[in-house]
Amino acid sequence: MFAPVLAELPALPLHEAGKYVAGAYIVLFVLVLIYFAIMAIRLSRIERELGELLELANQEPAEEDVAPREPTLA
């Protein structure tokens, strides 16, 4: 199906195609590097928020935050 079409297309000489292959690898590397940077920023933010939540969970409630309980007859 594609064989006749591919047979008619001229192939790039290797000395010309090398520039495009190197450029494609550089672009791919930069995109992966940007992805990892974004994930590292998100991970640090999540770790910071998780630390804050753990501090809040481990805090003892202050006296003014606790409402007085009424005795019950049980």
PDB file of N, CA and C in Angstrom:
ATOM      1  N   MET A   1       0.822  -1.187   0.000  1.00  0.00           N
ATOM      2  CA  MET A   1       0.000   0.000   0.000  1.00  0.00           C
ATOM      3  C   MET A   1       0.873   1.261   0.000  1.00  0.00           C
ATOM      4  N   PHE A   2       1.807   1.348   0.949  1.00  0.00           N
ATOM      5  CA  PHE A   2       2.666   2.515   1.021  1.00  0.00           C
ATOM      6  C   PHE A   2       3.966   2.320   0.249  1.00  0.00           C
ATOM      7  N   ALA A   3       4.254   1.104  -0.155  1.00  0.00           N
ATOM      8  CA  ALA A   3       5.516   0.811  -0.829  1.00  0.00           C
ATOM      9  C   ALA A   3       5.701   1.641  -2.101  1.00  0.00           C
ATOM     10  N   PRO A   4       4.698   1.760  -2.967  1.00  0.00           N
ATOM     11  CA  PRO A   4       4.909   2.580  -4.175  1.00  0.00           C
ATOM     12  C   PRO A   4       5.157   4.053  -3.845  1.00  0.00           C
ATOM     13  N   VAL A   5       4.478   4.540  -2.828  1.00  0.00           N
ATOM     14  CA  VAL A   5       4.662   5.945  -2.457  1.00  0.00           C
ATOM     15  C   VAL A   5       6.050   6.160  -1.879  1.00  0.00           C
ATOM     16  N   LEU A   6       6.481   5.248  -1.012  1.00  0.00           N
ATOM     17  CA  LEU A   6       7.805   5.371  -0.398  1.00  0.00           C
ATOM     18  C   LEU A   6       8.918   5.175  -1.418  1.00  0.00           C
ATOM     19  N   ALA A   7       8.679   4.355  -2.417  1.00  0.00           N
ATOM     20  CA  ALA A   7       9.694   4.122  -3.438  1.00  0.00           C
ATOM     21  C   ALA A   7       9.924   5.366  -4.282  1.00  0.00           C
ATOM     22  N   GLU A   8       8.909   6.190  -4.429  1.00  0.00           N
ATOM     23  CA  GLU A   8       9.031   7.389  -5.249  1.00  0.00           C
ATOM     24  C   GLU A   8       9.637   8.568  -4.497  1.00  0.00           C
ATOM     25  N   LEU A   9       9.571   8.552  -3.170  1.00  0.00           N
ATOM     26  CA  LEU A   9      10.121   9.662  -2.394  1.00  0.00           C
ATOM     27  C   LEU A   9      11.646   9.573  -2.361  1.00  0.00           C
ATOM     28  N   PRO A  10      12.312  10.698  -2.578  1.00  0.00           N
ATOM     29  CA  PRO A  10      13.774  10.654  -2.509  1.00  0.00           C
ATOM     30  C   PRO A  10      14.233  10.556  -1.053  1.00  0.00           C
ATOM     31  N   ALA A  11      15.242   9.760  -0.811  1.00  0.00           N
ATOM     32  CA  ALA A  11      15.793   9.610   0.535  1.00  0.00           C
ATOM     33  C   ALA A  11      16.786  10.744   0.781  1.00  0.00           C
ATOM     34  N   LEU A  12      16.822  11.209   2.017  1.00  0.00           N
ATOM     35  CA  LEU A  12      17.800  12.234   2.372  1.00  0.00           C
ATOM     36  C   LEU A  12      19.165  11.579   2.526  1.00  0.00           C
ATOM     37  N   PRO A  13      20.188  12.200   2.023  1.00  0.00           N
ATOM     38  CA  PRO A  13      21.529  11.662   2.275  1.00  0.00           C
ATOM     39  C   PRO A  13      21.829  11.709   3.780  1.00  0.00           C
ATOM     40  N   LEU A  14      22.645  10.779   4.251  1.00  0.00           N
ATOM     41  CA  LEU A  14      22.903  10.665   5.679  1.00  0.00           C
ATOM     42  C   LEU A  14      23.522  11.922   6.264  1.00  0.00           C
ATOM     43  N   HIS A  15      24.354  12.603   5.536  1.00  0.00           N
ATOM     44  CA  HIS A  15      24.979  13.798   6.100  1.00  0.00           C
ATOM     45  C   HIS A  15      23.961  14.926   6.289  1.00  0.00           C
ATOM     46  N   GLU A  16      22.851  14.912   5.546  1.00  0.00           N
ATOM     47  CA  GLU A  16      21.808  15.923   5.731  1.00  0.00           C
ATOM     48  C   GLU A  16      20.794  15.483   6.782  1.00  0.00           C
ATOM     49  N   ALA A  17      20.478  14.208   6.819  1.00  0.00           N
ATOM     50  CA  ALA A  17      19.469  13.698   7.750  1.00  0.00           C
ATOM     51  C   ALA A  17      19.967  13.738   9.188  1.00  0.00           C
ATOM     52  N   GLY A  18      21.250  13.663   9.408  1.00  0.00           N
ATOM     53  CA  GLY A  18      21.807  13.658  10.760  1.00  0.00           C
ATOM     54  C   GLY A  18      21.449  14.898  11.544  1.00  0.00           C
ATOM     55  N   LYS A  19      21.393  16.040  10.883  1.00  0.00           N
ATOM     56  CA  LYS A  19      21.029  17.285  11.564  1.00  0.00           C
ATOM     57  C   LYS A  19      19.605  17.224  12.103  1.00  0.00           C
ATOM     58  N   TYR A  20      18.714  16.661  11.303  1.00  0.00           N
ATOM     59  CA  TYR A  20      17.313  16.585  11.714  1.00  0.00           C
ATOM     60  C   TYR A  20      17.111  15.577  12.844  1.00  0.00           C
ATOM     61  N   VAL A  21      17.820  14.475  12.790  1.00  0.00           N
ATOM     62  CA  VAL A  21      17.726  13.479  13.849  1.00  0.00           C
ATOM     63  C   VAL A  21      18.263  14.054  15.150  1.00  0.00           C
ATOM     64  N   ALA A  22      19.400  14.725  15.090  1.00  0.00           N
ATOM     65  CA  ALA A  22      19.977  15.348  16.293  1.00  0.00           C
ATOM     66  C   ALA A  22      19.037  16.418  16.838  1.00  0.00           C
ATOM     67  N   GLY A  23      18.445  17.196  15.955  1.00  0.00           N
ATOM     68  CA  GLY A  23      17.493  18.224  16.390  1.00  0.00           C
ATOM     69  C   GLY A  23      16.277  17.621  17.060  1.00  0.00           C
ATOM     70  N   ALA A  24      15.782  16.510  16.511  1.00  0.00           N
ATOM     71  CA  ALA A  24      14.621  15.845  17.102  1.00  0.00           C
ATOM     72  C   ALA A  24      14.957  15.312  18.490  1.00  0.00           C
ATOM     73  N   TYR A  25      16.152  14.738  18.657  1.00  0.00           N
ATOM     74  CA  TYR A  25      16.558  14.240  19.976  1.00  0.00           C
ATOM     75  C   TYR A  25      16.720  15.384  20.978  1.00  0.00           C
ATOM     76  N   ILE A  26      17.232  16.498  20.527  1.00  0.00           N
ATOM     77  CA  ILE A  26      17.394  17.649  21.431  1.00  0.00           C
ATOM     78  C   ILE A  26      16.030  18.169  21.875  1.00  0.00           C
ATOM     79  N   VAL A  27      15.103  18.278  20.940  1.00  0.00           N
ATOM     80  CA  VAL A  27      13.750  18.749  21.285  1.00  0.00           C
ATOM     81  C   VAL A  27      13.096  17.776  22.258  1.00  0.00           C
ATOM     82  N   LEU A  28      13.218  16.483  22.010  1.00  0.00           N
ATOM     83  CA  LEU A  28      12.635  15.485  22.903  1.00  0.00           C
ATOM     84  C   LEU A  28      13.256  15.574  24.296  1.00  0.00           C
ATOM     85  N   PHE A  29      14.571  15.722  24.368  1.00  0.00           N
ATOM     86  CA  PHE A  29      15.259  15.835  25.653  1.00  0.00           C
ATOM     87  C   PHE A  29      14.795  17.072  26.417  1.00  0.00           C
ATOM     88  N   VAL A  30      14.636  18.186  25.737  1.00  0.00           N
ATOM     89  CA  VAL A  30      14.174  19.413  26.399  1.00  0.00           C
ATOM     90  C   VAL A  30      12.749  19.237  26.918  1.00  0.00           C
ATOM     91  N   LEU A  31      11.889  18.598  26.135  1.00  0.00           N
ATOM     92  CA  LEU A  31      10.510  18.375  26.584  1.00  0.00           C
ATOM     93  C   LEU A  31      10.466  17.464  27.809  1.00  0.00           C
ATOM     94  N   VAL A  32      11.266  16.414  27.831  1.00  0.00           N
ATOM     95  CA  VAL A  32      11.308  15.517  28.984  1.00  0.00           C
ATOM     96  C   VAL A  32      11.862  16.255  30.195  1.00  0.00           C
ATOM     97  N   LEU A  33      12.868  17.097  29.994  1.00  0.00           N
ATOM     98  CA  LEU A  33      13.437  17.882  31.085  1.00  0.00           C
ATOM     99  C   LEU A  33      12.402  18.846  31.672  1.00  0.00           C
ATOM    100  N   ILE A  34      11.630  19.490  30.825  1.00  0.00           N
ATOM    101  CA  ILE A  34      10.570  20.398  31.295  1.00  0.00           C
ATOM    102  C   ILE A  34       9.511  19.611  32.067  1.00  0.00           C
ATOM    103  N   TYR A  35       9.151  18.430  31.577  1.00  0.00           N
ATOM    104  CA  TYR A  35       8.167  17.592  32.258  1.00  0.00           C
ATOM    105  C   TYR A  35       8.650  17.229  33.661  1.00  0.00           C
ATOM    106  N   PHE A  36       9.908  16.795  33.777  1.00  0.00           N
ATOM    107  CA  PHE A  36      10.444  16.433  35.089  1.00  0.00           C
ATOM    108  C   PHE A  36      10.501  17.646  36.023  1.00  0.00           C
ATOM    109  N   ALA A  37      10.810  18.817  35.502  1.00  0.00           N
ATOM    110  CA  ALA A  37      10.841  20.021  36.333  1.00  0.00           C
ATOM    111  C   ALA A  37       9.444  20.339  36.868  1.00  0.00           C
ATOM    112  N   ILE A  38       8.435  20.221  36.018  1.00  0.00           N
ATOM    113  CA  ILE A  38       7.063  20.486  36.456  1.00  0.00           C
ATOM    114  C   ILE A  38       6.640  19.475  37.516  1.00  0.00           C
ATOM    115  N   MET A  39       6.967  18.203  37.314  1.00  0.00           N
ATOM    116  CA  MET A  39       6.609  17.172  38.293  1.00  0.00           C
ATOM    117  C   MET A  39       7.347  17.384  39.619  1.00  0.00           C
ATOM    118  N   ALA A  40       8.591  17.835  39.585  1.00  0.00           N
ATOM    119  CA  ALA A  40       9.339  18.099  40.816  1.00  0.00           C
ATOM    120  C   ALA A  40       8.719  19.257  41.588  1.00  0.00           C
ATOM    121  N   ILE A  41       8.287  20.290  40.893  1.00  0.00           N
ATOM    122  CA  ILE A  41       7.635  21.428  41.545  1.00  0.00           C
ATOM    123  C   ILE A  41       6.323  20.981  42.184  1.00  0.00           C
ATOM    124  N   ARG A  42       5.539  20.194  41.469  1.00  0.00           N
ATOM    125  CA  ARG A  42       4.270  19.699  42.024  1.00  0.00           C
ATOM    126  C   ARG A  42       4.503  18.813  43.240  1.00  0.00           C
ATOM    127  N   LEU A  43       5.521  17.952  43.165  1.00  0.00           N
ATOM    128  CA  LEU A  43       5.818  17.054  44.275  1.00  0.00           C
ATOM    129  C   LEU A  43       6.246  17.829  45.512  1.00  0.00           C
ATOM    130  N   SER A  44       7.066  18.853  45.341  1.00  0.00           N
ATOM    131  CA  SER A  44       7.493  19.636  46.502  1.00  0.00           C
ATOM    132  C   SER A  44       6.316  20.378  47.127  1.00  0.00           C
ATOM    133  N   ARG A  45       5.403  20.877  46.311  1.00  0.00           N
ATOM    134  CA  ARG A  45       4.226  21.566  46.844  1.00  0.00           C
ATOM    135  C   ARG A  45       3.342  20.588  47.620  1.00  0.00           C
ATOM    136  N   ILE A  46       3.141  19.388  47.081  1.00  0.00           N
ATOM    137  CA  ILE A  46       2.313  18.383  47.760  1.00  0.00           C
ATOM    138  C   ILE A  46       2.958  17.966  49.074  1.00  0.00           C
ATOM    139  N   GLU A  47       4.288  17.792  49.083  1.00  0.00           N
ATOM    140  CA  GLU A  47       4.981  17.421  50.322  1.00  0.00           C
ATOM    141  C   GLU A  47       4.836  18.525  51.375  1.00  0.00           C
ATOM    142  N   ARG A  48       4.945  19.775  50.945  1.00  0.00           N
ATOM    143  CA  ARG A  48       4.801  20.896  51.884  1.00  0.00           C
ATOM    144  C   ARG A  48       3.382  20.928  52.463  1.00  0.00           C
ATOM    145  N   GLU A  49       2.374  20.772  51.612  1.00  0.00           N
ATOM    146  CA  GLU A  49       0.993  20.789  52.092  1.00  0.00           C
ATOM    147  C   GLU A  49       0.712  19.595  53.007  1.00  0.00           C
ATOM    148  N   LEU A  50       1.277  18.439  52.687  1.00  0.00           N
ATOM    149  CA  LEU A  50       1.088  17.266  53.531  1.00  0.00           C
ATOM    150  C   LEU A  50       1.725  17.480  54.899  1.00  0.00           C
ATOM    151  N   GLY A  51       2.893  18.115  54.939  1.00  0.00           N
ATOM    152  CA  GLY A  51       3.530  18.435  56.217  1.00  0.00           C
ATOM    153  C   GLY A  51       2.671  19.370  57.052  1.00  0.00           C
ATOM    154  N   GLU A  52       2.075  20.367  56.399  1.00  0.00           N
ATOM    155  CA  GLU A  52       1.198  21.286  57.123  1.00  0.00           C
ATOM    156  C   GLU A  52      -0.023  20.553  57.672  1.00  0.00           C
ATOM    157  N   LEU A  53      -0.589  19.651  56.893  1.00  0.00           N
ATOM    158  CA  LEU A  53      -1.755  18.893  57.358  1.00  0.00           C
ATOM    159  C   LEU A  53      -1.386  17.971  58.524  1.00  0.00           C
ATOM    160  N   LEU A  54      -0.201  17.368  58.461  1.00  0.00           N
ATOM    161  CA  LEU A  54       0.228  16.517  59.574  1.00  0.00           C
ATOM    162  C   LEU A  54       0.426  17.330  60.850  1.00  0.00           C
ATOM    163  N   GLU A  55       0.981  18.538  60.715  1.00  0.00           N
ATOM    164  CA  GLU A  55       1.134  19.411  61.889  1.00  0.00           C
ATOM    165  C   GLU A  55      -0.229  19.753  62.481  1.00  0.00           C
ATOM    166  N   LEU A  56      -1.192  20.069  61.633  1.00  0.00           N
ATOM    167  CA  LEU A  56      -2.535  20.403  62.120  1.00  0.00           C
ATOM    168  C   LEU A  56      -3.184  19.193  62.790  1.00  0.00           C
ATOM    169  N   ALA A  57      -2.962  18.014  62.251  1.00  0.00           N
ATOM    170  CA  ALA A  57      -3.575  16.816  62.819  1.00  0.00           C
ATOM    171  C   ALA A  57      -2.948  16.455  64.161  1.00  0.00           C
ATOM    172  N   ASN A  58      -1.683  16.754  64.348  1.00  0.00           N
ATOM    173  CA  ASN A  58      -0.995  16.408  65.588  1.00  0.00           C
ATOM    174  C   ASN A  58      -1.128  17.464  66.678  1.00  0.00           C
ATOM    175  N   GLN A  59      -1.645  18.627  66.339  1.00  0.00           N
ATOM    176  CA  GLN A  59      -1.828  19.683  67.334  1.00  0.00           C
ATOM    177  C   GLN A  59      -2.953  19.308  68.282  1.00  0.00           C
ATOM    178  N   GLU A  60      -2.744  19.645  69.558  1.00  0.00           N
ATOM    179  CA  GLU A  60      -3.837  19.481  70.516  1.00  0.00           C
ATOM    180  C   GLU A  60      -4.720  20.715  70.418  1.00  0.00           C
ATOM    181  N   PRO A  61      -6.016  20.526  70.491  1.00  0.00           N
ATOM    182  CA  PRO A  61      -6.902  21.694  70.369  1.00  0.00           C
ATOM    183  C   PRO A  61      -6.716  22.639  71.567  1.00  0.00           C
ATOM    184  N   ALA A  62      -6.733  23.923  71.281  1.00  0.00           N
ATOM    185  CA  ALA A  62      -6.616  24.924  72.335  1.00  0.00           C
ATOM    186  C   ALA A  62      -7.916  24.956  73.134  1.00  0.00           C
ATOM    187  N   GLU A  63      -7.842  25.468  74.383  1.00  0.00           N
ATOM    188  CA  GLU A  63      -9.025  25.457  75.254  1.00  0.00           C
ATOM    189  C   GLU A  63     -10.163  26.294  74.699  1.00  0.00           C
ATOM    190  N   GLU A  64      -9.841  27.419  74.069  1.00  0.00           N
ATOM    191  CA  GLU A  64     -10.928  28.268  73.575  1.00  0.00           C
ATOM    192  C   GLU A  64     -11.591  27.661  72.342  1.00  0.00           C
ATOM    193  N   ASP A  65     -10.920  26.705  71.683  1.00  0.00           N
ATOM    194  CA  ASP A  65     -11.512  26.053  70.526  1.00  0.00           C
ATOM    195  C   ASP A  65     -12.505  24.957  70.932  1.00  0.00           C
ATOM    196  N   VAL A  66     -12.397  24.464  72.160  1.00  0.00           N
ATOM    197  CA  VAL A  66     -13.229  23.358  72.598  1.00  0.00           C
ATOM    198  C   VAL A  66     -14.470  23.923  73.321  1.00  0.00           C
ATOM    199  N   ALA A  67     -15.647  23.540  72.856  1.00  0.00           N
ATOM    200  CA  ALA A  67     -16.869  24.016  73.476  1.00  0.00           C
ATOM    201  C   ALA A  67     -17.109  23.199  74.756  1.00  0.00           C
ATOM    202  N   PRO A  68     -17.578  23.835  75.802  1.00  0.00           N
ATOM    203  CA  PRO A  68     -17.867  23.085  77.041  1.00  0.00           C
ATOM    204  C   PRO A  68     -18.992  22.093  76.809  1.00  0.00           C
ATOM    205  N   ARG A  69     -18.859  20.912  77.415  1.00  0.00           N
ATOM    206  CA  ARG A  69     -19.873  19.884  77.277  1.00  0.00           C
ATOM    207  C   ARG A  69     -20.826  19.934  78.459  1.00  0.00           C
ATOM    208  N   GLU A  70     -22.049  19.670  78.163  1.00  0.00           N
ATOM    209  CA  GLU A  70     -23.042  19.615  79.224  1.00  0.00           C
ATOM    210  C   GLU A  70     -23.141  18.176  79.706  1.00  0.00           C
ATOM    211  N   PRO A  71     -23.266  17.985  80.976  1.00  0.00           N
ATOM    212  CA  PRO A  71     -23.374  16.605  81.478  1.00  0.00           C
ATOM    213  C   PRO A  71     -24.670  15.958  80.976  1.00  0.00           C
ATOM    214  N   THR A  72     -24.601  14.703  80.722  1.00  0.00           N
ATOM    215  CA  THR A  72     -25.781  13.967  80.261  1.00  0.00           C
ATOM    216  C   THR A  72     -26.150  12.937  81.312  1.00  0.00           C
ATOM    217  N   LEU A  73     -27.400  12.630  81.372  1.00  0.00           N
ATOM    218  CA  LEU A  73     -27.892  11.630  82.324  1.00  0.00           C
ATOM    219  C   LEU A  73     -28.046  10.324  81.560  1.00  0.00           C
ATOM    220  N   ALA A  74     -27.066   9.526  81.614  1.00  0.00           N
ATOM    221  CA  ALA A  74     -27.146   8.270  80.888  1.00  0.00           C
ATOM    222  C   ALA A  74     -27.069   7.093  81.829  1.00  0.00           C
TER     223      ALA A  74
END
